[in-house]
């Protein structure tokens, strides 16, 4: 007779009160009331800034110029 494996289920994450929908709405309203502004970023725009040029890989020997 085969023995049954005991399988542990993942613990249920408790919802943090700071991240409930009502709390987030209240925080956004307080931010806007204090003079804060929400900036909408267009689709396709990245916050990543390219600090160097492209990196090309050269296989084989280098050619003398």
N, C-alpha and C. Protein backbone atom coordinates (compact mmCIF):
# COMPACT_ATOMS: atom_id res chain seq x y z
N UNK A 1 0.84 -1.17 0.00
CA UNK A 1 0.00 0.00 0.00
C UNK A 1 0.89 1.24 0.00
N UNK A 2 0.64 2.19 -0.88
CA UNK A 2 1.45 3.40 -0.97
C UNK A 2 0.99 4.40 0.09
N UNK A 3 1.99 5.07 0.66
CA UNK A 3 1.63 6.07 1.67
C UNK A 3 1.35 7.41 0.99
N UNK A 4 0.42 8.14 1.53
CA UNK A 4 0.06 9.44 0.97
C UNK A 4 1.03 10.49 1.46
N UNK A 5 1.50 11.33 0.55
CA UNK A 5 2.38 12.42 0.94
C UNK A 5 1.55 13.53 1.56
N UNK A 6 2.12 14.14 2.58
CA UNK A 6 1.41 15.29 3.13
C UNK A 6 1.89 16.52 2.37
N UNK A 7 0.97 17.27 1.87
CA UNK A 7 1.28 18.45 1.08
C UNK A 7 0.89 19.68 1.90
N UNK A 8 1.88 20.55 2.08
CA UNK A 8 1.59 21.77 2.82
C UNK A 8 1.13 22.83 1.83
N UNK A 9 0.06 23.49 2.19
CA UNK A 9 -0.41 24.57 1.33
C UNK A 9 0.32 25.86 1.71
N UNK A 10 0.36 26.78 0.76
CA UNK A 10 1.01 28.06 1.01
C UNK A 10 0.20 28.84 2.03
N UNK A 11 0.89 29.55 2.91
CA UNK A 11 0.13 30.35 3.88
C UNK A 11 -0.60 31.50 3.17
N UNK A 12 -1.76 31.82 3.65
CA UNK A 12 -2.55 32.89 3.07
C UNK A 12 -1.96 34.22 3.53
N UNK A 13 -1.67 35.08 2.57
CA UNK A 13 -1.12 36.39 2.92
C UNK A 13 -2.25 37.27 3.43
N UNK A 14 -1.99 37.91 4.57
CA UNK A 14 -2.97 38.83 5.09
C UNK A 14 -2.85 40.15 4.35
N UNK A 15 -3.97 40.76 4.07
CA UNK A 15 -3.95 42.01 3.33
C UNK A 15 -3.58 43.13 4.30
N UNK A 16 -2.52 43.85 3.95
CA UNK A 16 -2.05 44.95 4.76
C UNK A 16 -3.04 46.11 4.64
N UNK A 17 -3.41 46.70 5.76
CA UNK A 17 -4.41 47.76 5.73
C UNK A 17 -3.94 48.98 4.96
N UNK A 18 -2.63 49.19 4.86
CA UNK A 18 -2.11 50.35 4.14
C UNK A 18 -2.37 50.26 2.64
N UNK A 19 -2.68 49.10 2.14
CA UNK A 19 -2.83 48.91 0.71
C UNK A 19 -4.24 48.54 0.29
N UNK A 20 -5.20 48.84 1.09
CA UNK A 20 -6.57 48.60 0.67
C UNK A 20 -7.00 49.72 -0.27
N UNK A 21 -7.96 49.46 -1.09
CA UNK A 21 -8.40 50.41 -2.10
C UNK A 21 -8.81 51.75 -1.48
N UNK A 22 -9.55 51.70 -0.39
CA UNK A 22 -10.00 52.93 0.27
C UNK A 22 -8.84 53.74 0.81
N UNK A 23 -7.85 53.06 1.39
CA UNK A 23 -6.68 53.75 1.95
C UNK A 23 -5.88 54.42 0.83
N UNK A 24 -5.71 53.73 -0.28
CA UNK A 24 -4.96 54.30 -1.41
C UNK A 24 -5.68 55.53 -1.94
N UNK A 25 -7.00 55.44 -2.07
CA UNK A 25 -7.78 56.59 -2.54
C UNK A 25 -7.62 57.78 -1.59
N UNK A 26 -7.63 57.50 -0.28
CA UNK A 26 -7.47 58.56 0.72
C UNK A 26 -6.07 59.19 0.63
N UNK A 27 -5.05 58.35 0.42
CA UNK A 27 -3.68 58.86 0.33
C UNK A 27 -3.50 59.72 -0.93
N UNK A 28 -4.10 59.29 -2.05
CA UNK A 28 -4.01 60.07 -3.29
C UNK A 28 -4.72 61.40 -3.11
N UNK A 29 -5.88 61.40 -2.50
CA UNK A 29 -6.63 62.64 -2.27
C UNK A 29 -5.83 63.59 -1.38
N UNK A 30 -5.19 63.06 -0.33
CA UNK A 30 -4.38 63.90 0.56
C UNK A 30 -3.18 64.46 -0.20
N UNK A 31 -2.57 63.66 -1.06
CA UNK A 31 -1.42 64.11 -1.86
C UNK A 31 -1.83 65.26 -2.78
N UNK A 32 -2.94 65.11 -3.46
CA UNK A 32 -3.42 66.14 -4.38
C UNK A 32 -3.84 67.40 -3.62
N UNK A 33 -4.45 67.23 -2.44
CA UNK A 33 -4.88 68.38 -1.64
C UNK A 33 -3.69 69.18 -1.12
N UNK A 34 -2.55 68.51 -0.92
CA UNK A 34 -1.36 69.21 -0.41
C UNK A 34 -0.58 69.88 -1.53
N UNK A 35 -1.12 69.85 -2.76
CA UNK A 35 -0.45 70.52 -3.87
C UNK A 35 0.33 69.59 -4.78
N UNK A 36 0.29 68.31 -4.51
CA UNK A 36 1.01 67.34 -5.34
C UNK A 36 0.35 67.19 -6.70
N UNK A 37 1.13 66.83 -7.68
CA UNK A 37 0.60 66.62 -9.03
C UNK A 37 0.96 65.23 -9.50
N UNK A 38 0.07 64.62 -10.25
CA UNK A 38 0.30 63.29 -10.82
C UNK A 38 0.70 63.47 -12.27
N UNK A 39 1.84 62.93 -12.63
CA UNK A 39 2.34 63.04 -14.00
C UNK A 39 2.00 61.76 -14.75
N UNK A 40 1.36 61.89 -15.90
CA UNK A 40 1.04 60.73 -16.72
C UNK A 40 2.13 60.58 -17.78
N UNK A 41 2.71 59.40 -17.85
CA UNK A 41 3.78 59.11 -18.79
C UNK A 41 3.16 58.42 -20.01
N UNK A 42 3.46 58.91 -21.23
CA UNK A 42 2.92 58.28 -22.43
C UNK A 42 3.44 56.84 -22.60
N UNK A 43 2.66 56.03 -23.27
CA UNK A 43 3.07 54.66 -23.55
C UNK A 43 4.34 54.65 -24.38
N UNK A 44 5.25 53.73 -24.09
CA UNK A 44 6.47 53.59 -24.87
C UNK A 44 7.63 54.40 -24.34
N UNK A 45 7.39 55.26 -23.35
CA UNK A 45 8.47 56.08 -22.79
C UNK A 45 9.10 55.31 -21.64
N UNK A 46 10.41 55.29 -21.61
CA UNK A 46 11.14 54.57 -20.57
C UNK A 46 11.86 55.56 -19.67
N UNK A 47 12.00 55.22 -18.42
CA UNK A 47 12.76 56.05 -17.49
C UNK A 47 14.22 55.70 -17.49
N UNK A 48 14.60 54.69 -18.24
CA UNK A 48 15.99 54.26 -18.29
C UNK A 48 16.78 55.22 -19.17
N UNK A 49 17.90 55.69 -18.62
CA UNK A 49 18.75 56.62 -19.35
C UNK A 49 19.96 55.84 -19.85
N UNK A 50 20.21 55.90 -21.16
CA UNK A 50 21.37 55.22 -21.73
C UNK A 50 22.61 56.04 -21.40
N UNK A 51 23.53 55.44 -20.64
CA UNK A 51 24.73 56.16 -20.24
C UNK A 51 25.91 55.84 -21.14
N UNK A 52 25.79 54.84 -21.96
CA UNK A 52 26.87 54.49 -22.87
C UNK A 52 26.28 54.10 -24.22
N UNK A 53 27.14 54.08 -25.21
CA UNK A 53 26.70 53.71 -26.55
C UNK A 53 26.47 52.21 -26.64
N UNK A 54 26.12 51.75 -27.83
CA UNK A 54 25.90 50.31 -28.00
C UNK A 54 27.19 49.53 -27.84
N UNK A 55 27.06 48.32 -27.37
CA UNK A 55 28.23 47.45 -27.19
C UNK A 55 28.19 46.38 -28.27
N UNK A 56 29.18 46.41 -29.12
CA UNK A 56 29.25 45.43 -30.19
C UNK A 56 30.29 44.39 -29.82
N UNK A 57 29.99 43.16 -30.06
CA UNK A 57 30.92 42.07 -29.78
C UNK A 57 31.63 41.72 -31.08
N UNK A 58 32.95 41.69 -31.03
CA UNK A 58 33.74 41.33 -32.20
C UNK A 58 34.39 39.98 -31.94
N UNK A 59 34.08 39.04 -32.78
CA UNK A 59 34.68 37.70 -32.66
C UNK A 59 35.84 37.59 -33.64
N UNK A 60 36.89 36.98 -33.21
CA UNK A 60 38.04 36.82 -34.09
C UNK A 60 39.09 37.87 -33.86
N UNK A 61 40.03 37.98 -34.80
CA UNK A 61 41.12 38.92 -34.66
C UNK A 61 40.69 40.33 -35.05
N UNK A 62 41.32 41.30 -34.41
CA UNK A 62 41.05 42.68 -34.77
C UNK A 62 41.79 43.04 -36.04
N UNK A 63 41.16 43.84 -36.84
CA UNK A 63 41.79 44.30 -38.07
C UNK A 63 42.56 45.58 -37.79
N UNK A 64 43.79 45.69 -38.30
CA UNK A 64 44.58 46.91 -38.11
C UNK A 64 44.09 47.97 -39.09
N UNK A 65 43.94 49.19 -38.62
CA UNK A 65 43.49 50.28 -39.47
C UNK A 65 44.64 51.02 -40.06
